[in-house]
N, C-alpha and C. Protein backbone atom coordinates (compact mmCIF):
# COMPACT_ATOMS: atom_id res chain seq x y z
N UNK A 1 21.50 23.71 8.90
CA UNK A 1 20.69 22.65 8.58
C UNK A 1 21.32 21.49 9.27
N UNK A 2 20.45 20.69 10.10
CA UNK A 2 21.15 19.53 10.67
C UNK A 2 20.74 18.37 9.88
N UNK A 3 21.72 17.52 9.62
CA UNK A 3 21.70 16.29 8.73
C UNK A 3 21.88 15.24 9.69
N UNK A 4 21.24 13.99 9.10
CA UNK A 4 21.64 12.74 9.74
C UNK A 4 21.36 11.72 8.47
N UNK A 5 22.05 10.43 8.86
CA UNK A 5 22.04 9.36 7.85
C UNK A 5 21.40 8.18 8.37
N UNK A 6 20.80 7.43 7.63
CA UNK A 6 20.19 6.09 7.92
C UNK A 6 20.68 5.08 6.93
N UNK A 7 20.90 3.97 7.18
CA UNK A 7 21.32 2.85 6.38
C UNK A 7 19.98 1.96 6.34
N UNK A 8 19.62 1.69 4.99
CA UNK A 8 18.58 0.90 4.72
C UNK A 8 19.02 -0.61 4.61
N UNK A 9 18.00 -1.38 4.61
CA UNK A 9 18.29 -3.09 4.71
C UNK A 9 19.29 -3.47 3.41
N UNK A 10 19.27 -2.68 2.47
CA UNK A 10 20.13 -3.04 1.41
C UNK A 10 21.57 -2.39 1.43
N UNK A 11 21.74 -1.71 2.45
CA UNK A 11 23.12 -1.03 2.70
C UNK A 11 23.38 0.44 2.11
N UNK A 12 22.15 0.97 1.65
CA UNK A 12 22.37 2.15 0.94
C UNK A 12 22.05 3.25 1.97
N UNK A 13 22.84 4.39 1.70
CA UNK A 13 22.76 5.53 2.84
C UNK A 13 21.55 6.58 2.36
N UNK A 14 20.81 6.87 3.25
CA UNK A 14 19.75 7.86 3.02
C UNK A 14 19.77 9.00 3.84
N UNK A 15 20.01 10.07 3.32
CA UNK A 15 20.40 11.36 4.19
C UNK A 15 18.99 12.01 4.44
N UNK A 16 19.00 12.49 5.65
CA UNK A 16 17.86 13.55 5.89
C UNK A 16 18.18 14.64 6.55
N UNK A 17 17.44 15.78 6.37
CA UNK A 17 17.85 17.01 6.92
C UNK A 17 16.63 17.90 7.25
N UNK A 18 16.77 18.97 8.09
CA UNK A 18 15.68 19.88 8.40
C UNK A 18 16.44 21.09 8.90
N UNK A 19 16.02 22.17 8.51
CA UNK A 19 16.52 23.47 8.91
C UNK A 19 15.72 23.63 10.19
N UNK A 20 16.46 23.64 11.26
CA UNK A 20 15.87 24.06 12.63
C UNK A 20 15.79 25.50 12.83
N UNK A 21 16.51 26.42 12.03
CA UNK A 21 16.50 27.79 12.20
C UNK A 21 15.42 28.50 11.36
N UNK A 22 14.75 27.62 10.94
CA UNK A 22 13.52 28.10 9.90
C UNK A 22 12.48 27.93 10.70
N UNK A 23 11.40 28.94 10.90
CA UNK A 23 10.15 28.86 11.48
C UNK A 23 9.14 28.54 10.42
N UNK A 24 8.45 27.24 10.54
CA UNK A 24 7.47 26.94 9.67
C UNK A 24 5.95 27.21 9.99
N UNK A 25 5.16 27.63 9.41
CA UNK A 25 3.80 28.10 9.73
C UNK A 25 3.11 26.84 10.37
N UNK A 26 2.22 27.29 11.38
CA UNK A 26 1.41 26.12 11.93
C UNK A 26 0.47 25.65 11.05
N UNK A 27 0.33 24.37 11.02
CA UNK A 27 -0.69 23.53 10.08
C UNK A 27 -1.98 23.66 10.75
N UNK A 28 -3.15 23.78 9.89
CA UNK A 28 -4.39 23.68 10.44
C UNK A 28 -4.66 22.09 10.80
N UNK A 29 -5.68 21.93 11.53
CA UNK A 29 -6.03 20.53 11.94
C UNK A 29 -6.37 19.70 10.54
N UNK A 30 -6.00 18.38 10.44
CA UNK A 30 -6.09 17.87 9.35
C UNK A 30 -7.52 17.62 8.86
N UNK A 31 -7.83 17.68 7.72
CA UNK A 31 -9.22 17.40 7.13
C UNK A 31 -9.40 15.91 6.71
N UNK A 32 -8.33 15.47 6.15
CA UNK A 32 -8.46 13.87 5.54
C UNK A 32 -7.82 13.05 6.71
N UNK A 33 -8.62 11.91 6.75
CA UNK A 33 -8.30 10.97 7.73
C UNK A 33 -7.89 9.58 7.31
N UNK A 34 -8.56 9.06 6.41
CA UNK A 34 -8.37 7.93 5.57
C UNK A 34 -8.71 7.86 4.09
N UNK A 35 -8.22 6.92 3.31
CA UNK A 35 -8.66 6.74 2.18
C UNK A 35 -9.40 5.58 1.72
N UNK A 36 -10.29 5.42 0.88
CA UNK A 36 -11.11 4.06 0.57
C UNK A 36 -10.90 3.86 -0.96
N UNK A 37 -9.84 3.25 -1.47
CA UNK A 37 -9.72 3.10 -2.76
C UNK A 37 -10.52 2.04 -3.37
N UNK A 38 -11.03 2.30 -4.59
CA UNK A 38 -11.98 1.34 -5.28
C UNK A 38 -11.10 0.57 -6.28
N UNK A 39 -11.20 -0.66 -6.42
CA UNK A 39 -10.30 -1.46 -7.40
C UNK A 39 -11.36 -2.31 -8.10
N UNK A 40 -11.57 -2.11 -9.53
CA UNK A 40 -12.42 -2.88 -10.31
C UNK A 40 -11.98 -4.35 -10.65
N UNK A 41 -12.98 -5.06 -10.72
CA UNK A 41 -12.86 -6.54 -10.89
C UNK A 41 -13.93 -7.13 -11.77
N UNK A 42 -13.55 -8.03 -12.79
CA UNK A 42 -14.62 -8.66 -13.69
C UNK A 42 -15.26 -9.69 -12.64
N UNK A 43 -14.77 -10.33 -11.72
CA UNK A 43 -15.36 -11.38 -10.86
C UNK A 43 -14.96 -10.86 -9.30
N UNK A 44 -16.08 -10.16 -8.67
CA UNK A 44 -15.67 -9.57 -7.56
C UNK A 44 -15.74 -10.78 -6.46
N UNK A 45 -16.35 -11.77 -6.60
CA UNK A 45 -16.41 -12.82 -5.57
C UNK A 45 -14.94 -13.53 -5.54
N UNK A 46 -14.42 -13.75 -6.78
CA UNK A 46 -13.06 -14.30 -6.74
C UNK A 46 -12.22 -13.46 -6.28
N UNK A 47 -12.29 -12.08 -6.59
CA UNK A 47 -11.60 -11.04 -5.94
C UNK A 47 -11.32 -10.98 -4.46
N UNK A 48 -12.49 -11.05 -3.86
CA UNK A 48 -12.86 -11.08 -2.45
C UNK A 48 -11.98 -12.44 -1.96
N UNK A 49 -12.14 -13.47 -2.50
CA UNK A 49 -11.35 -14.63 -1.98
C UNK A 49 -9.87 -14.37 -2.31
N UNK A 50 -9.35 -13.68 -3.21
CA UNK A 50 -7.92 -13.68 -3.48
C UNK A 50 -7.35 -12.59 -2.31
N UNK A 51 -8.31 -11.55 -2.06
CA UNK A 51 -7.80 -10.60 -0.99
C UNK A 51 -7.90 -11.03 0.22
N UNK A 52 -8.62 -12.08 0.63
CA UNK A 52 -8.74 -12.70 1.86
C UNK A 52 -7.68 -13.90 2.06
N UNK A 53 -7.68 -14.69 1.15
CA UNK A 53 -6.80 -15.86 1.30
C UNK A 53 -5.15 -15.47 1.08
N UNK A 54 -5.04 -14.65 0.20
CA UNK A 54 -3.66 -14.38 -0.13
C UNK A 54 -3.04 -13.03 0.29
N UNK A 55 -4.00 -12.01 0.49
CA UNK A 55 -3.42 -10.80 1.03
C UNK A 55 -3.85 -10.54 2.42
N UNK A 56 -4.45 -11.43 2.96
CA UNK A 56 -4.68 -11.40 4.35
C UNK A 56 -5.91 -10.38 4.87
N UNK A 57 -6.80 -9.88 3.90
CA UNK A 57 -7.75 -9.11 4.28
C UNK A 57 -8.99 -9.98 4.87
N UNK A 58 -9.98 -9.36 5.40
CA UNK A 58 -11.13 -10.14 5.75
C UNK A 58 -12.37 -9.21 5.18
N UNK A 59 -13.51 -9.88 5.20
CA UNK A 59 -14.73 -9.24 4.56
C UNK A 59 -15.32 -8.46 5.50
N UNK A 60 -15.57 -7.17 5.12
CA UNK A 60 -16.40 -6.15 6.01
C UNK A 60 -17.76 -6.24 5.67
N UNK A 61 -17.97 -6.48 4.32
CA UNK A 61 -19.29 -6.31 3.55
C UNK A 61 -19.25 -6.97 2.08
N UNK A 62 -20.13 -7.68 1.75
CA UNK A 62 -20.07 -8.29 0.39
C UNK A 62 -21.35 -8.44 -0.18
N UNK A 63 -21.56 -8.02 -1.50
CA UNK A 63 -22.72 -8.36 -2.27
C UNK A 63 -22.20 -8.84 -3.75
N UNK A 64 -23.06 -9.19 -4.72
CA UNK A 64 -22.54 -9.78 -6.00
C UNK A 64 -21.66 -9.02 -6.57
N UNK A 65 -21.83 -7.44 -6.73
CA UNK A 65 -20.82 -6.61 -7.56
C UNK A 65 -20.07 -5.63 -6.83
N UNK A 66 -20.16 -5.88 -5.33
CA UNK A 66 -19.39 -4.86 -4.64
C UNK A 66 -18.96 -5.49 -3.31
N UNK A 67 -17.91 -5.21 -2.76
CA UNK A 67 -17.42 -5.72 -1.53
C UNK A 67 -16.44 -4.65 -0.87
N UNK A 68 -16.38 -4.77 0.54
CA UNK A 68 -15.44 -3.87 1.05
C UNK A 68 -14.61 -4.99 2.12
N UNK A 69 -13.44 -4.70 1.93
CA UNK A 69 -12.51 -5.81 2.55
C UNK A 69 -11.53 -4.94 3.43
N UNK A 70 -11.14 -5.48 4.65
CA UNK A 70 -10.40 -4.72 5.52
C UNK A 70 -9.00 -5.63 6.03
N UNK A 71 -7.98 -4.80 6.29
CA UNK A 71 -6.79 -5.43 6.96
C UNK A 71 -6.25 -4.31 7.81
N UNK A 72 -5.96 -4.56 9.01
CA UNK A 72 -5.55 -3.68 9.98
C UNK A 72 -6.46 -2.44 9.87
N UNK A 73 -5.86 -1.30 9.64
CA UNK A 73 -6.49 -0.07 9.55
C UNK A 73 -6.94 0.47 8.17
N UNK A 74 -6.61 -0.49 7.11
CA UNK A 74 -7.06 -0.19 5.74
C UNK A 74 -8.30 -0.92 5.19
N UNK A 75 -9.05 -0.16 4.52
CA UNK A 75 -10.23 -0.85 3.69
C UNK A 75 -10.26 -0.42 2.32
N UNK A 76 -10.57 -1.48 1.45
CA UNK A 76 -10.54 -1.38 0.17
C UNK A 76 -11.94 -1.84 -0.50
N UNK A 77 -12.29 -1.09 -1.46
CA UNK A 77 -13.61 -1.36 -2.12
C UNK A 77 -13.32 -2.23 -3.22
N UNK A 78 -14.02 -3.40 -3.56
CA UNK A 78 -13.80 -4.08 -4.79
C UNK A 78 -15.12 -4.01 -5.47
N UNK A 79 -15.12 -3.45 -6.56
CA UNK A 79 -16.29 -3.14 -7.44
C UNK A 79 -16.42 -3.87 -8.50
N UNK A 80 -17.44 -4.12 -9.20
CA UNK A 80 -17.69 -4.72 -10.56
C UNK A 80 -16.96 -3.75 -11.77
N UNK A 81 -16.27 -4.26 -12.74
CA UNK A 81 -15.47 -3.30 -13.73
C UNK A 81 -16.64 -2.87 -14.50
N UNK A 82 -16.43 -1.61 -14.82
CA UNK A 82 -17.37 -0.83 -15.62
C UNK A 82 -16.64 -0.04 -16.72
N UNK A 83 -17.29 0.54 -17.68
CA UNK A 83 -16.39 1.46 -18.69
C UNK A 83 -15.83 2.75 -17.66
N UNK A 84 -16.54 2.91 -16.68
CA UNK A 84 -16.07 4.15 -15.86
C UNK A 84 -14.86 3.55 -14.82
N UNK A 85 -15.04 2.33 -14.55
CA UNK A 85 -14.01 1.77 -13.48
C UNK A 85 -13.33 0.66 -14.31
N UNK A 86 -12.05 1.05 -14.88
CA UNK A 86 -11.34 0.01 -15.74
C UNK A 86 -10.25 -0.71 -15.06
N UNK A 87 -9.51 -0.01 -14.37
CA UNK A 87 -8.27 -0.53 -13.78
C UNK A 87 -8.03 0.41 -12.58
N UNK A 88 -7.42 -0.27 -11.50
CA UNK A 88 -7.20 0.65 -10.18
C UNK A 88 -5.83 0.28 -9.85
N UNK A 89 -5.47 1.36 -8.87
CA UNK A 89 -4.16 1.09 -8.10
C UNK A 89 -4.33 1.61 -6.76
N UNK A 90 -3.46 1.24 -5.89
CA UNK A 90 -3.50 1.91 -4.60
C UNK A 90 -2.19 1.70 -3.95
N UNK A 91 -1.78 2.72 -2.99
CA UNK A 91 -0.49 2.59 -2.38
C UNK A 91 -0.65 2.65 -0.83
N UNK A 92 -0.08 1.82 -0.13
CA UNK A 92 -0.30 1.75 1.40
C UNK A 92 1.12 1.93 2.02
N UNK A 93 1.02 2.74 3.18
CA UNK A 93 2.12 2.87 3.96
C UNK A 93 2.02 1.87 5.04
N UNK A 94 3.20 1.02 5.18
CA UNK A 94 3.19 -0.17 6.10
C UNK A 94 4.38 0.18 6.98
N UNK A 95 4.48 -0.81 8.08
CA UNK A 95 5.51 -0.83 9.05
C UNK A 95 6.80 -1.33 8.51
N UNK A 96 6.59 -2.63 7.91
CA UNK A 96 7.77 -3.41 7.54
C UNK A 96 7.63 -3.94 6.13
N UNK A 97 8.38 -3.40 5.28
CA UNK A 97 8.18 -4.03 3.82
C UNK A 97 8.65 -5.32 3.66
N UNK A 98 9.72 -5.65 4.37
CA UNK A 98 10.42 -7.07 4.12
C UNK A 98 9.45 -8.25 4.89
N UNK A 99 8.87 -8.01 5.90
CA UNK A 99 8.00 -8.85 6.52
C UNK A 99 6.81 -9.19 5.68
N UNK A 100 6.16 -7.95 5.20
CA UNK A 100 4.92 -8.10 4.59
C UNK A 100 5.20 -8.83 3.09
N UNK A 101 6.25 -8.43 2.55
CA UNK A 101 6.75 -9.10 1.31
C UNK A 101 6.83 -10.68 1.56
N UNK A 102 7.58 -11.04 2.55
CA UNK A 102 7.81 -12.42 2.73
C UNK A 102 6.44 -13.15 3.12
N UNK A 103 5.58 -12.64 3.88
CA UNK A 103 4.31 -13.09 3.98
C UNK A 103 3.32 -13.40 2.68
N UNK A 104 3.21 -12.32 1.86
CA UNK A 104 2.53 -12.32 0.76
C UNK A 104 3.19 -13.16 -0.27
N UNK A 105 4.51 -13.14 -0.51
CA UNK A 105 5.27 -14.08 -1.31
C UNK A 105 4.96 -15.45 -0.97
N UNK A 106 5.07 -16.00 0.30
CA UNK A 106 4.84 -17.39 0.77
C UNK A 106 3.40 -17.61 0.54
N UNK A 107 2.41 -16.80 0.37
CA UNK A 107 0.89 -16.96 0.11
C UNK A 107 0.80 -17.28 -1.27
N UNK A 108 1.57 -16.88 -2.25
CA UNK A 108 1.52 -16.93 -3.72
C UNK A 108 0.91 -15.57 -4.29
N UNK A 109 1.07 -14.59 -3.63
CA UNK A 109 0.81 -13.20 -4.23
C UNK A 109 1.67 -12.90 -5.45
N UNK A 110 1.00 -12.19 -6.34
CA UNK A 110 1.83 -11.87 -7.61
C UNK A 110 2.78 -10.59 -7.46
N UNK A 111 3.85 -10.90 -6.54
CA UNK A 111 4.69 -9.73 -6.19
C UNK A 111 5.48 -9.55 -7.37
N UNK A 112 5.85 -8.17 -7.64
CA UNK A 112 6.57 -7.85 -8.83
C UNK A 112 8.10 -7.81 -8.61
N UNK A 113 8.45 -8.12 -7.40
CA UNK A 113 10.08 -8.12 -7.03
C UNK A 113 10.17 -7.80 -5.61
N UNK A 114 11.23 -8.04 -5.14
CA UNK A 114 11.62 -7.81 -3.76
C UNK A 114 11.59 -6.29 -3.37
N UNK A 115 11.32 -6.08 -2.05
CA UNK A 115 11.34 -4.66 -1.79
C UNK A 115 12.51 -3.83 -2.21
N UNK A 116 12.56 -2.63 -2.66
CA UNK A 116 13.52 -1.84 -3.15
C UNK A 116 13.51 -0.53 -2.14
N UNK A 117 14.69 -0.09 -1.69
CA UNK A 117 15.04 1.20 -1.11
C UNK A 117 15.28 2.36 -2.20
N UNK A 118 14.38 3.21 -1.98
CA UNK A 118 14.73 4.54 -2.75
C UNK A 118 15.20 5.76 -2.16
N UNK A 119 16.08 6.59 -2.71
CA UNK A 119 16.74 7.48 -2.07
C UNK A 119 15.87 8.59 -1.46
N UNK A 120 14.55 8.58 -1.73
CA UNK A 120 13.61 9.52 -1.08
C UNK A 120 13.01 9.09 -0.01
N UNK A 121 13.41 7.99 0.45
CA UNK A 121 13.00 7.49 1.83
C UNK A 121 11.97 6.50 1.99
N UNK A 122 11.77 5.81 0.86
CA UNK A 122 10.89 4.65 0.90
C UNK A 122 11.39 3.36 0.57
N UNK A 123 10.98 2.28 1.17
CA UNK A 123 11.26 0.89 0.81
C UNK A 123 9.90 0.50 0.42
N UNK A 124 9.97 -0.17 -0.78
CA UNK A 124 8.62 -0.50 -1.46
C UNK A 124 8.65 -1.67 -2.26
N UNK A 125 7.59 -2.40 -2.52
CA UNK A 125 7.33 -3.37 -3.47
C UNK A 125 5.87 -3.27 -3.76
N UNK A 126 5.68 -3.90 -5.17
CA UNK A 126 4.48 -3.93 -5.85
C UNK A 126 3.74 -5.26 -5.91
N UNK A 127 2.47 -5.47 -5.93
CA UNK A 127 1.82 -6.63 -6.06
C UNK A 127 0.59 -6.35 -7.11
N UNK A 128 0.56 -7.45 -7.98
CA UNK A 128 -0.79 -7.30 -8.88
C UNK A 128 -1.84 -8.28 -8.49
N UNK A 129 -3.02 -7.85 -8.39
CA UNK A 129 -4.17 -8.83 -7.93
C UNK A 129 -4.36 -9.59 -9.33
N UNK A 130 -5.24 -10.57 -9.19
CA UNK A 130 -5.54 -11.51 -10.41
C UNK A 130 -6.06 -10.71 -11.61
N UNK A 131 -6.53 -9.48 -11.53
CA UNK A 131 -7.12 -8.89 -12.80
C UNK A 131 -6.32 -7.37 -13.07
N UNK A 132 -5.03 -7.54 -12.43
CA UNK A 132 -4.08 -6.47 -12.90
C UNK A 132 -4.21 -5.18 -12.04
N UNK A 133 -4.98 -5.13 -11.11
CA UNK A 133 -4.81 -4.04 -10.16
C UNK A 133 -3.70 -3.84 -9.42
N UNK A 134 -2.84 -2.78 -9.24
CA UNK A 134 -1.65 -2.79 -8.72
C UNK A 134 -1.65 -2.09 -7.24
N UNK A 135 -1.02 -3.09 -6.42
CA UNK A 135 -0.87 -2.57 -5.05
C UNK A 135 0.45 -2.16 -4.72
N UNK A 136 0.79 -1.06 -4.13
CA UNK A 136 2.30 -0.72 -3.87
C UNK A 136 2.29 -0.55 -2.38
N UNK A 137 3.15 -1.22 -1.64
CA UNK A 137 3.34 -1.19 -0.32
C UNK A 137 4.62 -0.55 0.12
N UNK A 138 4.63 0.60 0.77
CA UNK A 138 5.63 1.45 0.99
C UNK A 138 5.97 1.73 2.53
N UNK A 139 7.17 1.35 2.94
CA UNK A 139 7.70 1.53 4.28
C UNK A 139 8.54 2.79 4.38
N UNK A 140 8.21 3.92 5.08
CA UNK A 140 8.80 5.12 5.13
C UNK A 140 10.14 4.88 5.99
N UNK A 141 11.22 5.56 5.70
CA UNK A 141 12.36 5.57 6.66
C UNK A 141 12.34 7.02 7.45
N UNK A 142 12.04 6.91 8.45
CA UNK A 142 11.90 8.14 9.34
C UNK A 142 12.53 8.01 10.62
């Protein structure tokens, strides 16, 4: 097994390894391409404003009880809260946790703490929207 180490921004050592002498089966062509999380809100219009003004999204489509907002390659559906749709969460892979954290913090997002590096190879932080939906932003170390 070949091993290598990476130091994260907090100075922690992360170890990675791969068995180069092991043959892995060929994977079929991927079936899944993107995800479209649904996040429920009591006030969809206020949610759209927050996602645009604070989190940097822009409106793709909007009606009274439903909206699609986009940022870069990510789309999110904001829907009216119902008994079926009570609370939501979504995780996003990102390029730079520290830069996005700084951007969202300065815009007044409800960040739940600075980015943390985890030994499994992710640097992540969480943001709560105004109605309690959790957004996790994760930077892989690879």
